[in-house]
């Protein structure tokens, strides 16, 4: 997991997982995209971490793959200011298993995370950008046996064992503890803060991970802030989109596939060609220079 407030963030309105999610990508990009897709929100997904999580690709290959995933519409990097009263910034990488167009990413990231269409539904064909078309909504008959995606609470509980093996929980344990964990998220806890609170200062031996986790969920339950401030004023949030490759802040319209002009290798306007002089003009210039040197003082 990344430090609190950093790491992976899942984009909204994604289609359910399927075996063909990344079939349009090369083998390396498809492998790393599937790995990132299964990471919980708040997990570190920098090149060093991705290289350490799997045995096939090193840091340079992971860096190139992330740039290619950005170009394919699967991720964008942003930095966000948490409050207008203090200069605190966090860095997120938004990931979507459903490929998105530049127009969708621009709407989502500039709207403060309200989603591409703004009404909670996934629209198709309304962006005017055909470079990466938005995927259509799946018909009901295509996924009759599809199981619902796990909740954020279940996912966070299942990920505790990845952070510290002493809190490895079974599927039955996660289901039983899910209501307690859901109360944490209802009170505004992020996945990163949840994991840090549950896995911090563990004893050398945890004989019953489920019982230990249940006790911590009850004892460390955060306060319900809504009771103290029934009408909290929303904090303005400033979001700056970065180039995936060089992390340079850019305007959304300056990024194509999440990459700036320099990282895309787009050539700048070439300088005007130098005027070519004819041999006769060269001789005339040379004659004037010799004449000026002959008439100058001290020559």
Protein backbone atom coordinates (compact mmCIF):
# COMPACT_ATOMS: atom_id res chain seq x y z
CA UNK A 1 0.00 0.00 0.00
CA UNK A 2 1.10 3.54 -0.71
CA UNK A 3 1.26 6.24 1.93
CA UNK A 4 -2.18 7.50 3.03
CA UNK A 5 -3.71 9.66 0.28
CA UNK A 6 -1.49 8.28 -2.47
CA UNK A 7 -1.56 5.38 -4.90
CA UNK A 8 -4.17 3.82 -7.16
CA UNK A 9 -7.69 5.19 -7.45
CA UNK A 10 -10.36 3.37 -9.45
CA UNK A 11 -12.22 5.41 -12.05
CA UNK A 12 -16.03 5.28 -11.87
CA UNK A 13 -18.53 3.64 -14.23
CA UNK A 14 -16.36 0.67 -15.18
CA UNK A 15 -17.80 -2.39 -16.85
CA UNK A 16 -17.75 -5.69 -14.92
CA UNK A 17 -14.57 -7.75 -15.14
CA UNK A 18 -14.35 -10.21 -18.01
CA UNK A 19 -11.73 -12.41 -19.64
CA UNK A 20 -11.40 -9.99 -22.58
CA UNK A 21 -10.85 -6.76 -20.65
CA UNK A 22 -7.31 -6.28 -21.96
CA UNK A 23 -7.37 -8.45 -25.08
CA UNK A 24 -6.72 -5.36 -27.24
CA UNK A 25 -3.36 -4.74 -25.54
CA UNK A 26 0.05 -6.35 -26.17
CA UNK A 27 0.97 -9.22 -23.84
CA UNK A 28 3.15 -7.15 -21.49
CA UNK A 29 0.64 -4.33 -21.13
CA UNK A 30 -2.26 -6.78 -20.71
CA UNK A 31 -0.39 -8.65 -17.96
CA UNK A 32 0.46 -5.51 -15.98
CA UNK A 33 -3.00 -4.02 -16.54
CA UNK A 34 -4.61 -7.14 -15.06
CA UNK A 35 -2.23 -6.92 -12.10
CA UNK A 36 -3.08 -3.25 -11.49
CA UNK A 37 -6.80 -3.92 -11.91
CA UNK A 38 -6.76 -6.38 -9.01
CA UNK A 39 -4.86 -4.05 -6.67
CA UNK A 40 -7.06 -2.34 -4.06
CA UNK A 41 -7.49 1.41 -4.05
CA UNK A 42 -4.62 3.11 -2.27
CA UNK A 43 -2.10 0.47 -3.38
CA UNK A 44 1.26 1.65 -4.66
CA UNK A 45 1.61 1.25 -8.42
CA UNK A 46 4.88 3.01 -9.17
CA UNK A 47 7.40 1.29 -11.42
CA UNK A 48 9.51 -0.01 -8.52
CA UNK A 49 6.52 -1.61 -6.82
CA UNK A 50 5.17 -3.11 -10.05
CA UNK A 51 8.59 -4.56 -10.85
CA UNK A 52 8.78 -6.12 -7.38
CA UNK A 53 5.23 -7.54 -7.52
CA UNK A 54 5.90 -9.83 -10.49
CA UNK A 55 8.95 -11.70 -11.85
CA UNK A 56 8.64 -11.02 -15.58
CA UNK A 57 9.35 -7.31 -16.17
CA UNK A 58 11.82 -4.84 -14.71
CA UNK A 59 11.41 -1.17 -13.92
CA UNK A 60 12.10 0.15 -17.42
CA UNK A 61 9.62 -2.29 -18.97
CA UNK A 62 7.00 -1.32 -16.37
CA UNK A 63 7.59 2.36 -17.08
CA UNK A 64 7.07 1.84 -20.81
CA UNK A 65 3.99 -0.30 -20.15
CA UNK A 66 2.41 2.41 -17.95
CA UNK A 67 2.94 4.97 -20.72
CA UNK A 68 1.32 2.60 -23.21
CA UNK A 69 -1.61 1.97 -20.86
CA UNK A 70 -2.07 5.73 -20.60
CA UNK A 71 -2.08 6.04 -24.37
CA UNK A 72 -4.65 3.22 -24.57
CA UNK A 73 -6.95 5.16 -22.22
CA UNK A 74 -6.59 3.05 -19.06
CA UNK A 75 -4.91 5.47 -16.65
CA UNK A 76 -4.12 9.09 -15.85
CA UNK A 77 -1.88 10.68 -13.21
CA UNK A 78 -3.05 13.67 -11.17
CA UNK A 79 -2.03 15.71 -8.15
CA UNK A 80 -4.78 17.02 -5.89
CA UNK A 81 -4.80 19.77 -3.29
CA UNK A 82 -6.78 18.57 -0.30
CA UNK A 83 -7.73 21.93 1.16
CA UNK A 84 -7.69 25.57 0.11
CA UNK A 85 -6.50 26.54 3.61
CA UNK A 86 -3.28 24.52 3.52
CA UNK A 87 -0.90 23.48 0.81
CA UNK A 88 -1.23 19.70 1.08
CA UNK A 89 -1.04 17.71 -2.13
CA UNK A 90 -1.53 14.03 -2.85
CA UNK A 91 -0.65 12.13 -6.02
CA UNK A 92 -3.09 9.64 -7.52
CA UNK A 93 -3.06 7.35 -10.52
CA UNK A 94 -6.61 6.83 -11.73
CA UNK A 95 -7.06 3.44 -13.40
CA UNK A 96 -9.95 2.14 -15.50
CA UNK A 97 -10.18 -1.38 -16.88
CA UNK A 98 -12.62 0.10 -19.38
CA UNK A 99 -10.61 2.18 -21.90
CA UNK A 100 -11.57 5.84 -21.95
CA UNK A 101 -11.16 8.60 -24.50
CA UNK A 102 -9.20 11.79 -23.85
CA UNK A 103 -12.51 13.66 -23.75
CA UNK A 104 -13.90 11.35 -21.02
CA UNK A 105 -10.78 11.69 -18.89
CA UNK A 106 -10.83 15.45 -19.35
CA UNK A 107 -14.46 15.71 -18.19
CA UNK A 108 -13.94 13.38 -15.25
CA UNK A 109 -10.73 14.95 -13.95
CA UNK A 110 -11.78 18.57 -14.42
CA UNK A 111 -15.19 17.95 -12.85
CA UNK A 112 -13.63 17.02 -9.51
CA UNK A 113 -14.28 13.29 -9.89
CA UNK A 114 -18.00 13.41 -10.69
CA UNK A 115 -17.64 10.99 -13.60
CA UNK A 116 -17.70 11.39 -17.34
CA UNK A 117 -21.37 12.00 -17.96
CA UNK A 118 -22.16 13.86 -14.76
CA UNK A 119 -25.39 11.96 -14.09
CA UNK A 120 -24.04 8.66 -12.78
CA UNK A 121 -24.67 6.78 -16.02
CA UNK A 122 -22.23 5.63 -18.65
CA UNK A 123 -22.86 7.25 -22.02
CA UNK A 124 -21.43 6.18 -25.32
CA UNK A 125 -20.62 8.16 -28.40
CA UNK A 126 -21.12 11.59 -26.80
CA UNK A 127 -17.50 12.66 -26.49
CA UNK A 128 -16.78 13.48 -30.10
CA UNK A 129 -13.42 11.73 -29.73
CA UNK A 130 -13.06 8.47 -31.64
CA UNK A 131 -9.45 7.73 -30.71
CA UNK A 132 -10.55 5.49 -27.82
CA UNK A 133 -14.31 4.96 -27.95
CA UNK A 134 -16.15 4.45 -24.71
CA UNK A 135 -17.29 0.88 -24.22
CA UNK A 136 -21.05 0.28 -24.40
CA UNK A 137 -23.10 -0.90 -21.48
CA UNK A 138 -23.22 -4.71 -21.38
CA UNK A 139 -26.63 -6.28 -22.02
CA UNK A 140 -28.06 -8.37 -19.23
CA UNK A 141 -27.90 -11.63 -21.16
CA UNK A 142 -24.12 -11.37 -21.63
CA UNK A 143 -23.33 -11.86 -17.94
CA UNK A 144 -26.10 -14.05 -16.48
CA UNK A 145 -23.73 -15.79 -14.06
CA UNK A 146 -21.70 -12.75 -13.13
CA UNK A 147 -21.26 -12.32 -9.39
CA UNK A 148 -21.45 -8.76 -8.00
CA UNK A 149 -18.17 -6.98 -7.44
CA UNK A 150 -17.02 -7.04 -3.81
CA UNK A 151 -17.62 -3.94 -1.73
CA UNK A 152 -14.82 -1.60 -0.68
CA UNK A 153 -15.05 -3.02 2.85
CA UNK A 154 -14.69 -6.63 1.66
CA UNK A 155 -11.81 -5.69 -0.65
CA UNK A 156 -9.99 -3.87 2.14
CA UNK A 157 -10.39 -6.84 4.49
CA UNK A 158 -9.15 -9.26 1.85
CA UNK A 159 -6.11 -7.04 1.25
CA UNK A 160 -4.96 -7.02 4.88
CA UNK A 161 -3.05 -10.27 4.39
CA UNK A 162 -1.14 -8.74 1.48
CA UNK A 163 0.12 -5.98 3.77
CA UNK A 164 0.86 -8.27 6.72
CA UNK A 165 0.47 -12.09 6.52
CA UNK A 166 -0.46 -12.19 10.21
CA UNK A 167 -3.88 -10.79 9.27
CA UNK A 168 -4.65 -13.16 6.40
CA UNK A 169 -8.41 -13.69 6.40
CA UNK A 170 -10.49 -16.34 4.67
CA UNK A 171 -13.44 -15.53 2.44
CA UNK A 172 -15.79 -16.53 5.27
CA UNK A 173 -13.96 -14.21 7.68
CA UNK A 174 -14.21 -11.29 5.22
CA UNK A 175 -17.93 -11.85 4.75
CA UNK A 176 -18.54 -11.97 8.51
CA UNK A 177 -16.48 -8.84 9.19
CA UNK A 178 -17.75 -6.88 6.19
CA UNK A 179 -20.55 -5.03 8.09
CA UNK A 180 -18.09 -3.78 10.73
CA UNK A 181 -15.63 -2.65 8.07
CA UNK A 182 -18.41 -1.00 6.07
CA UNK A 183 -19.16 1.23 9.06
CA UNK A 184 -15.57 2.54 8.87
CA UNK A 185 -16.03 3.53 5.23
CA UNK A 186 -19.43 5.06 5.99
CA UNK A 187 -17.58 7.38 8.39
CA UNK A 188 -15.20 8.59 5.72
CA UNK A 189 -12.25 6.22 6.15
CA UNK A 190 -10.13 5.64 3.04
CA UNK A 191 -8.77 2.17 2.14
CA UNK A 192 -5.22 3.29 2.96
CA UNK A 193 -6.18 4.62 6.43
CA UNK A 194 -8.21 1.48 7.08
CA UNK A 195 -5.26 -0.79 6.27
CA UNK A 196 -2.82 1.30 8.32
CA UNK A 197 -5.13 1.25 11.35
CA UNK A 198 -5.69 -2.52 11.21
CA UNK A 199 -2.10 -3.58 10.51
CA UNK A 200 -0.20 -1.07 12.65
CA UNK A 201 1.64 -2.24 15.80
CA UNK A 202 0.72 -5.90 15.47
CA UNK A 203 1.91 -8.35 18.14
CA UNK A 204 4.60 -10.87 17.13
CA UNK A 205 2.03 -13.68 16.86
CA UNK A 206 -1.63 -13.39 15.90
CA UNK A 207 -3.26 -16.73 16.72
CA UNK A 208 -6.74 -15.77 15.48
CA UNK A 209 -6.62 -13.23 12.63
CA UNK A 210 -10.41 -13.01 12.42
CA UNK A 211 -10.88 -12.47 16.15
CA UNK A 212 -8.02 -9.98 16.33
CA UNK A 213 -9.39 -8.02 13.34
CA UNK A 214 -12.90 -7.97 14.84
CA UNK A 215 -11.55 -6.55 18.10
CA UNK A 216 -9.63 -3.83 16.28
CA UNK A 217 -12.61 -2.96 14.11
CA UNK A 218 -14.64 -2.33 17.27
CA UNK A 219 -11.97 -0.67 19.40
CA UNK A 220 -10.53 1.63 16.72
CA UNK A 221 -13.80 2.61 15.06
CA UNK A 222 -13.38 6.26 13.98
CA UNK A 223 -15.87 8.89 15.19
CA UNK A 224 -18.96 9.73 13.23
CA UNK A 225 -18.05 13.22 12.11
CA UNK A 226 -21.53 13.93 10.81
CA UNK A 227 -22.80 14.13 14.41
CA UNK A 228 -20.46 17.02 15.16
CA UNK A 229 -21.02 18.87 11.88
CA UNK A 230 -24.44 18.04 10.45
CA UNK A 231 -23.96 20.43 7.53
CA UNK A 232 -20.29 20.22 6.59
CA UNK A 233 -19.21 22.67 3.95
CA UNK A 234 -17.49 20.96 1.03
CA UNK A 235 -13.80 21.70 0.77
CA UNK A 236 -12.70 23.03 -2.59
CA UNK A 237 -10.35 20.63 -4.29
CA UNK A 238 -7.79 21.61 -6.86
CA UNK A 239 -6.74 18.91 -9.30
CA UNK A 240 -3.81 19.16 -11.69
CA UNK A 241 -3.39 16.56 -14.44
CA UNK A 242 0.16 15.36 -15.07
CA UNK A 243 1.91 13.77 -18.01
CA UNK A 244 2.10 10.03 -17.33
CA UNK A 245 5.73 9.80 -18.46
CA UNK A 246 7.46 12.93 -17.12
CA UNK A 247 4.92 14.07 -14.45
CA UNK A 248 4.83 17.60 -15.91
CA UNK A 249 1.58 19.43 -15.02
CA UNK A 250 -0.45 20.08 -18.19
CA UNK A 251 -3.87 21.25 -19.29
CA UNK A 252 -6.17 18.38 -20.32
CA UNK A 253 -6.29 19.52 -23.93
CA UNK A 254 -2.47 19.47 -24.09
CA UNK A 255 -2.35 15.76 -23.23
CA UNK A 256 -3.04 13.17 -25.90
CA UNK A 257 -3.22 9.70 -24.41
CA UNK A 258 -2.04 11.22 -21.12
CA UNK A 259 1.31 12.25 -22.63
CA UNK A 260 2.64 15.75 -23.25
CA UNK A 261 4.00 16.88 -26.60
CA UNK A 262 7.61 16.16 -25.63
CA UNK A 263 6.92 12.62 -24.42
CA UNK A 264 4.80 11.88 -27.48
CA UNK A 265 7.80 12.84 -29.60
CA UNK A 266 5.80 15.42 -31.53
CA UNK A 267 8.27 17.65 -33.35
CA UNK A 268 8.05 21.37 -32.80
CA UNK A 269 7.77 23.85 -35.66
CA UNK A 270 11.06 23.65 -37.59
CA UNK A 271 13.06 26.86 -38.00
CA UNK A 272 12.84 28.57 -41.40
CA UNK A 273 15.44 27.33 -43.87
CA UNK A 274 18.55 29.42 -44.24
CA UNK A 275 18.75 31.47 -47.40
CA UNK A 276 21.23 30.03 -49.85
CA UNK A 277 23.62 32.47 -51.52
CA UNK A 278 24.69 32.04 -55.11
CA UNK A 279 28.44 31.77 -55.91
CA UNK A 280 28.37 35.26 -57.47
CA UNK A 281 26.86 36.73 -54.28
CA UNK A 282 29.54 35.03 -52.18
CA UNK A 283 32.26 36.58 -54.37
CA UNK A 284 30.70 40.04 -54.05
CA UNK A 285 30.56 39.74 -50.24
CA UNK A 286 34.17 38.58 -50.14
CA UNK A 287 35.27 41.51 -52.34
CA UNK A 288 33.52 44.02 -50.06
CA UNK A 289 35.18 42.49 -46.99
CA UNK A 290 38.64 42.67 -48.62
CA UNK A 291 38.05 46.28 -49.64
CA UNK A 292 36.93 47.24 -46.16
CA UNK A 293 40.01 45.59 -44.62
CA UNK A 294 42.34 47.36 -47.09
CA UNK A 295 40.93 50.84 -46.33
CA UNK A 296 40.67 50.41 -42.57
CA UNK A 297 43.26 52.27 -40.37
CA UNK A 298 46.32 50.22 -39.47
CA UNK A 299 45.87 47.81 -42.36
